[in-house]
N, C-alpha and C. Protein backbone atom coordinates (compact mmCIF):
# COMPACT_ATOMS: atom_id res chain seq x y z
N MET A 1 71.04 -266.41 -41.73
CA MET A 1 70.82 -265.55 -40.91
C MET A 1 69.74 -264.75 -40.36
N GLN A 2 69.18 -264.59 -41.52
CA GLN A 2 67.43 -263.63 -41.72
C GLN A 2 66.66 -264.70 -40.61
N ARG A 3 66.40 -266.05 -41.59
CA ARG A 3 65.65 -267.03 -41.29
C ARG A 3 65.84 -267.01 -39.34
N GLN A 4 66.91 -267.17 -38.66
CA GLN A 4 67.38 -267.06 -37.48
C GLN A 4 66.57 -265.68 -36.87
N LYS A 5 67.15 -264.87 -36.96
CA LYS A 5 66.17 -263.71 -36.50
C LYS A 5 64.53 -263.93 -36.05
N LEU A 6 64.11 -264.07 -37.35
CA LEU A 6 62.69 -264.37 -37.33
C LEU A 6 62.25 -265.65 -36.42
N GLY A 7 63.18 -266.16 -36.55
CA GLY A 7 63.07 -267.82 -35.67
C GLY A 7 63.16 -267.01 -34.08
N ASN A 8 63.80 -266.33 -33.49
CA ASN A 8 64.27 -265.99 -32.51
C ASN A 8 62.98 -264.87 -32.01
N SER A 9 62.46 -264.19 -32.95
CA SER A 9 61.18 -263.24 -32.90
C SER A 9 60.20 -263.90 -32.33
N TYR A 10 59.52 -264.98 -32.77
CA TYR A 10 58.42 -265.94 -33.08
C TYR A 10 58.78 -266.53 -31.52
N VAL A 11 60.33 -267.24 -30.88
CA VAL A 11 60.10 -267.34 -29.42
C VAL A 11 60.34 -266.27 -28.85
N CYS A 12 60.22 -265.16 -28.79
CA CYS A 12 60.57 -264.07 -27.53
C CYS A 12 58.81 -263.53 -27.34
N VAL A 13 57.47 -263.55 -28.73
CA VAL A 13 56.24 -263.48 -28.83
C VAL A 13 55.93 -264.47 -27.78
N ALA A 14 56.14 -265.50 -28.16
CA ALA A 14 55.24 -267.07 -27.86
C ALA A 14 55.45 -267.20 -26.37
N THR A 15 56.95 -266.72 -25.74
CA THR A 15 57.27 -266.10 -24.41
C THR A 15 56.30 -265.49 -23.37
N ILE A 16 56.33 -264.54 -24.38
CA ILE A 16 55.41 -263.15 -23.73
C ILE A 16 54.50 -263.61 -24.05
N LEU A 17 53.39 -264.15 -24.47
CA LEU A 17 52.02 -264.60 -24.50
C LEU A 17 51.80 -265.44 -23.49
N PHE A 18 52.38 -266.37 -23.86
CA PHE A 18 52.65 -267.77 -22.37
C PHE A 18 52.96 -266.61 -20.79
N LEU A 19 53.45 -266.04 -20.90
CA LEU A 19 53.91 -265.27 -19.43
C LEU A 19 52.60 -264.42 -18.80
N ALA A 20 51.72 -263.97 -20.08
CA ALA A 20 50.54 -262.64 -19.61
C ALA A 20 49.81 -263.67 -19.43
N ALA A 21 49.23 -264.68 -20.02
CA ALA A 21 48.68 -265.77 -20.06
C ALA A 21 48.54 -265.95 -18.57
N SER A 22 49.66 -266.00 -18.00
CA SER A 22 49.61 -266.98 -16.78
C SER A 22 49.70 -266.23 -15.52
N GLY A 23 49.62 -265.20 -16.13
CA GLY A 23 49.51 -264.42 -14.93
C GLY A 23 51.17 -263.65 -14.08
N VAL A 24 51.77 -264.17 -14.83
CA VAL A 24 52.98 -263.24 -14.13
C VAL A 24 53.62 -262.33 -14.62
N ILE A 25 53.16 -261.54 -15.78
CA ILE A 25 52.97 -260.05 -16.29
C ILE A 25 51.93 -259.70 -15.88
N PRO A 26 52.30 -258.22 -14.89
CA PRO A 26 50.12 -258.04 -14.70
C PRO A 26 49.86 -257.49 -15.67
N TYR A 27 48.53 -257.52 -15.57
CA TYR A 27 47.80 -257.14 -16.96
C TYR A 27 47.31 -255.62 -16.60
N HIS A 28 47.82 -254.39 -16.50
CA HIS A 28 47.08 -252.76 -16.10
C HIS A 28 45.59 -252.36 -17.09
N ILE A 29 45.13 -253.22 -18.23
CA ILE A 29 44.31 -252.36 -18.93
C ILE A 29 42.62 -252.35 -18.62
N HIS A 30 42.73 -252.96 -17.43
CA HIS A 30 41.34 -252.97 -17.09
C HIS A 30 41.61 -251.43 -16.02
N ALA A 31 40.24 -251.07 -15.30
CA ALA A 31 40.32 -250.18 -14.43
C ALA A 31 40.63 -251.05 -13.32
N SER A 32 41.52 -250.59 -12.75
CA SER A 32 41.79 -251.29 -11.43
C SER A 32 40.65 -250.85 -9.98
N GLU A 33 40.15 -249.85 -9.99
CA GLU A 33 38.94 -249.89 -9.13
C GLU A 33 38.11 -250.52 -9.23
N ARG A 34 37.80 -251.34 -10.11
CA ARG A 34 36.24 -252.21 -10.27
C ARG A 34 37.33 -253.49 -10.06
N ASP A 35 38.38 -253.45 -9.88
CA ASP A 35 38.51 -255.07 -9.97
C ASP A 35 38.00 -256.23 -10.85
N GLN A 36 37.90 -255.68 -11.93
CA GLN A 36 37.65 -256.85 -12.99
C GLN A 36 38.61 -257.67 -13.32
N LYS A 37 37.61 -258.60 -14.06
CA LYS A 37 38.69 -259.79 -14.55
C LYS A 37 38.98 -260.08 -15.39
N GLU A 38 38.12 -259.06 -16.32
CA GLU A 38 38.65 -259.38 -17.95
C GLU A 38 38.99 -258.04 -18.19
N ILE A 39 39.58 -257.83 -19.57
CA ILE A 39 39.80 -256.66 -19.75
C ILE A 39 38.85 -255.87 -20.53
N ALA A 40 38.38 -254.12 -20.63
CA ALA A 40 37.73 -254.11 -21.18
C ALA A 40 37.82 -253.35 -22.91
N PRO A 41 37.00 -253.78 -23.90
CA PRO A 41 36.75 -254.12 -24.83
C PRO A 41 37.12 -252.25 -25.72
N VAL A 42 37.64 -252.28 -26.81
CA VAL A 42 37.46 -251.13 -27.33
C VAL A 42 36.57 -250.67 -27.98
N ALA A 43 35.83 -249.55 -27.70
CA ALA A 43 35.07 -248.79 -28.20
C ALA A 43 35.02 -248.81 -29.83
N SER A 44 33.74 -249.55 -30.00
CA SER A 44 33.29 -248.29 -31.64
C SER A 44 32.46 -246.97 -31.76
N GLY A 45 32.23 -246.69 -32.90
CA GLY A 45 31.03 -245.80 -32.43
C GLY A 45 31.23 -244.35 -31.91
N VAL A 46 30.13 -243.83 -31.84
CA VAL A 46 30.24 -243.03 -30.59
C VAL A 46 29.45 -243.24 -29.06
N VAL A 47 30.28 -242.74 -28.37
CA VAL A 47 30.30 -243.24 -27.12
C VAL A 47 30.54 -242.37 -25.99
N GLU A 48 29.31 -241.95 -25.02
CA GLU A 48 29.57 -241.28 -23.71
C GLU A 48 29.27 -241.87 -22.29
N GLY A 49 30.79 -241.13 -22.48
CA GLY A 49 30.53 -241.93 -20.49
C GLY A 49 31.69 -241.33 -19.43
N GLN A 50 32.59 -241.98 -18.52
CA GLN A 50 33.07 -240.73 -17.24
C GLN A 50 34.03 -241.86 -17.59
N VAL A 51 35.23 -241.27 -17.36
CA VAL A 51 36.59 -241.59 -17.12
C VAL A 51 36.71 -242.19 -16.03
N ILE A 52 37.18 -243.35 -16.05
CA ILE A 52 37.71 -244.07 -14.84
C ILE A 52 39.00 -244.62 -14.62
N GLU A 53 39.47 -244.61 -15.72
CA GLU A 53 40.66 -244.99 -15.97
C GLU A 53 41.67 -244.10 -17.01
N VAL A 54 43.00 -243.57 -16.49
CA VAL A 54 43.67 -242.84 -17.81
C VAL A 54 45.05 -243.55 -17.72
N GLU A 55 45.33 -244.09 -19.08
CA GLU A 55 46.83 -244.50 -19.34
C GLU A 55 47.06 -243.70 -20.20
N GLN A 56 48.65 -244.48 -20.74
CA GLN A 56 49.50 -243.64 -21.62
C GLN A 56 48.92 -243.33 -23.00
N LEU A 57 48.36 -244.85 -23.41
CA LEU A 57 47.56 -244.57 -24.97
C LEU A 57 46.40 -244.95 -25.11
N THR A 58 45.63 -244.76 -24.30
CA THR A 58 44.12 -245.34 -23.64
C THR A 58 43.14 -244.68 -22.21
N LEU A 59 42.08 -244.00 -22.75
CA LEU A 59 40.81 -244.05 -21.88
C LEU A 59 40.03 -245.32 -21.45
N VAL A 60 39.84 -245.16 -20.37
CA VAL A 60 38.58 -246.31 -19.91
C VAL A 60 37.85 -245.44 -19.55
N ILE A 61 36.43 -245.98 -19.79
CA ILE A 61 35.39 -244.98 -19.97
C ILE A 61 34.20 -246.12 -19.86
N GLU A 62 33.57 -245.06 -18.51
CA GLU A 62 32.19 -246.11 -18.24
C GLU A 62 31.20 -245.36 -18.29
N LYS A 63 30.11 -246.25 -19.59
CA LYS A 63 28.82 -245.86 -19.92
C LYS A 63 27.83 -245.64 -19.33
N ALA A 64 26.77 -245.23 -19.25
CA ALA A 64 25.62 -244.52 -18.18
C ALA A 64 25.32 -246.40 -17.85
N ASN A 65 25.43 -247.40 -18.99
CA ASN A 65 24.84 -248.64 -18.64
C ASN A 65 25.50 -248.82 -17.92
N GLY A 66 26.58 -249.06 -17.53
CA GLY A 66 27.79 -249.29 -16.59
C GLY A 66 28.52 -250.53 -17.91
N GLU A 67 28.65 -250.28 -18.93
CA GLU A 67 29.45 -251.22 -19.30
C GLU A 67 30.82 -250.30 -19.55
N VAL A 68 31.78 -250.82 -19.45
CA VAL A 68 33.60 -250.41 -19.34
C VAL A 68 33.63 -250.51 -20.79
N VAL A 69 34.73 -249.80 -22.09
CA VAL A 69 35.12 -249.09 -22.71
C VAL A 69 36.48 -249.37 -22.80
N ARG A 70 37.24 -249.05 -23.16
CA ARG A 70 38.68 -248.74 -23.71
C ARG A 70 38.14 -247.86 -25.27
N VAL A 71 39.61 -246.60 -25.15
CA VAL A 71 39.30 -245.50 -26.07
C VAL A 71 40.61 -245.44 -26.33
N PRO A 72 41.31 -245.62 -27.64
CA PRO A 72 42.72 -245.66 -28.01
C PRO A 72 42.79 -243.69 -28.77
N MET A 73 44.03 -243.55 -27.27
CA MET A 73 44.13 -242.23 -27.87
C MET A 73 45.80 -242.11 -28.36
N PRO A 74 46.27 -241.09 -28.71
CA PRO A 74 45.29 -240.11 -29.52
C PRO A 74 44.53 -240.37 -30.97
N GLY A 75 44.81 -241.09 -31.52
CA GLY A 75 44.01 -241.64 -32.90
C GLY A 75 44.12 -240.06 -33.43
N LYS A 76 43.13 -239.83 -34.24
CA LYS A 76 43.33 -238.26 -35.16
C LYS A 76 42.23 -237.04 -34.51
N SER A 77 42.65 -237.89 -33.23
CA SER A 77 41.70 -236.41 -31.87
C SER A 77 42.57 -235.01 -31.91
N GLY A 78 43.85 -235.27 -32.29
CA GLY A 78 44.83 -234.06 -31.76
C GLY A 78 44.51 -234.51 -30.31
N GLU A 79 44.26 -235.17 -29.66
CA GLU A 79 44.08 -234.99 -27.63
C GLU A 79 44.99 -235.93 -27.25
N SER A 80 45.51 -236.21 -26.07
CA SER A 80 46.66 -236.97 -26.19
C SER A 80 45.57 -237.83 -24.73
N SER A 81 45.54 -238.68 -24.08
CA SER A 81 45.05 -239.06 -23.09
C SER A 81 45.55 -238.45 -21.59
N ALA A 82 46.74 -237.64 -21.44
CA ALA A 82 47.25 -236.79 -20.96
C ALA A 82 46.23 -235.67 -20.21
N ASP A 83 45.47 -235.33 -21.98
CA ASP A 83 44.52 -233.98 -21.40
C ASP A 83 43.49 -234.11 -20.44
N PHE A 84 43.27 -235.69 -20.13
CA PHE A 84 41.75 -236.05 -19.64
C PHE A 84 42.44 -236.48 -18.18
N GLU A 85 41.55 -236.37 -17.03
CA GLU A 85 41.23 -237.02 -15.98
C GLU A 85 40.21 -238.11 -15.29
N LYS A 86 40.72 -238.76 -14.13
CA LYS A 86 39.15 -239.26 -13.60
C LYS A 86 38.59 -238.82 -13.64
N GLY A 87 37.47 -239.03 -13.21
CA GLY A 87 36.41 -238.12 -13.61
C GLY A 87 35.19 -237.33 -14.52
N ASP A 88 36.48 -236.94 -15.59
CA ASP A 88 35.34 -236.60 -17.26
C ASP A 88 34.53 -237.50 -17.73
N TYR A 89 33.56 -236.28 -17.79
CA TYR A 89 32.79 -237.06 -18.55
C TYR A 89 33.05 -236.66 -20.07
N ILE A 90 32.88 -237.07 -21.07
CA ILE A 90 33.10 -237.29 -22.41
C ILE A 90 32.31 -238.06 -22.94
N GLU A 91 32.50 -237.19 -24.60
CA GLU A 91 31.83 -238.08 -25.91
C GLU A 91 32.95 -237.94 -26.78
N VAL A 92 32.91 -239.64 -27.47
CA VAL A 92 33.78 -239.61 -28.09
C VAL A 92 33.75 -240.60 -29.55
N ALA A 93 34.16 -240.30 -30.82
CA ALA A 93 33.53 -241.21 -31.56
C ALA A 93 34.70 -241.29 -32.51
N ILE A 94 34.48 -242.73 -32.38
CA ILE A 94 35.30 -244.21 -32.61
C ILE A 94 35.27 -245.01 -34.43
N SER A 95 36.11 -244.74 -35.16
CA SER A 95 35.82 -245.59 -36.40
C SER A 95 35.47 -246.80 -36.35
N PRO A 96 35.05 -248.09 -37.37
CA PRO A 96 35.06 -248.94 -37.02
C PRO A 96 36.14 -249.89 -36.51
N GLU A 97 37.34 -249.41 -37.42
CA GLU A 97 38.86 -249.59 -37.45
C GLU A 97 39.25 -249.09 -36.39
N GLY A 98 38.71 -248.77 -34.92
CA GLY A 98 38.73 -248.80 -33.45
C GLY A 98 39.94 -247.31 -33.76
N MET A 99 39.87 -246.69 -34.21
CA MET A 99 40.62 -244.87 -34.86
C MET A 99 39.86 -243.62 -34.38
N THR A 100 40.31 -243.30 -32.70
CA THR A 100 39.79 -242.30 -31.69
C THR A 100 39.90 -241.03 -32.85
N THR A 101 38.54 -240.59 -33.80
CA THR A 101 38.56 -239.53 -34.49
C THR A 101 38.24 -238.19 -33.49
N SER A 102 37.40 -237.97 -32.48
CA SER A 102 36.71 -236.78 -31.52
C SER A 102 36.96 -237.59 -30.61
N VAL A 103 37.06 -236.17 -29.74
CA VAL A 103 36.92 -236.37 -27.93
C VAL A 103 36.77 -235.28 -27.78
N ARG A 104 35.56 -235.23 -26.72
CA ARG A 104 35.45 -233.80 -25.91
C ARG A 104 34.62 -233.84 -24.95
N LYS A 105 34.76 -232.68 -24.15
CA LYS A 105 34.49 -233.34 -22.52
C LYS A 105 33.00 -232.54 -22.33
N VAL A 106 31.98 -233.05 -22.43
CA VAL A 106 30.64 -232.64 -21.83
C VAL A 106 29.86 -233.01 -20.80
N ALA A 107 29.04 -231.44 -20.56
CA ALA A 107 28.01 -231.67 -19.13
C ALA A 107 27.08 -233.50 -18.95
N LYS A 108 27.55 -234.07 -17.69
CA LYS A 108 26.66 -234.87 -17.96
C LYS A 108 25.74 -235.02 -17.10
N THR A 109 24.55 -235.65 -18.45
CA THR A 109 23.08 -235.28 -18.29
C THR A 109 22.39 -236.75 -17.30
N GLU A 110 21.57 -236.31 -16.55
CA GLU A 110 21.14 -237.25 -15.56
C GLU A 110 19.51 -238.17 -16.25
N ASN A 111 19.72 -239.38 -15.91
CA ASN A 111 19.05 -239.77 -16.13
C ASN A 111 17.64 -239.92 -15.44
């Protein structure tokens, strides 16, 4: 019985991955306004930028150099992605393991 359940899990996962790769299941991880073809990578280190997409468990931000990255929320920051909105300029600290450790709104500095 256990072997059959495990086998069914593999079939389900394989089916979902196939459908996602073929475009049948829409992928909304990237910022929709930018018409990107690729998913923004998860950031690490200290990142500063403007929020361009707010998702349930992720903030998508654009750094000053134009690079778009994803910030996993809430992590250990105690902040929820719902605490932010498009246009907010934030500074985020993310551990090498991908855990958000702090998030704060900051004033945008002009270069």
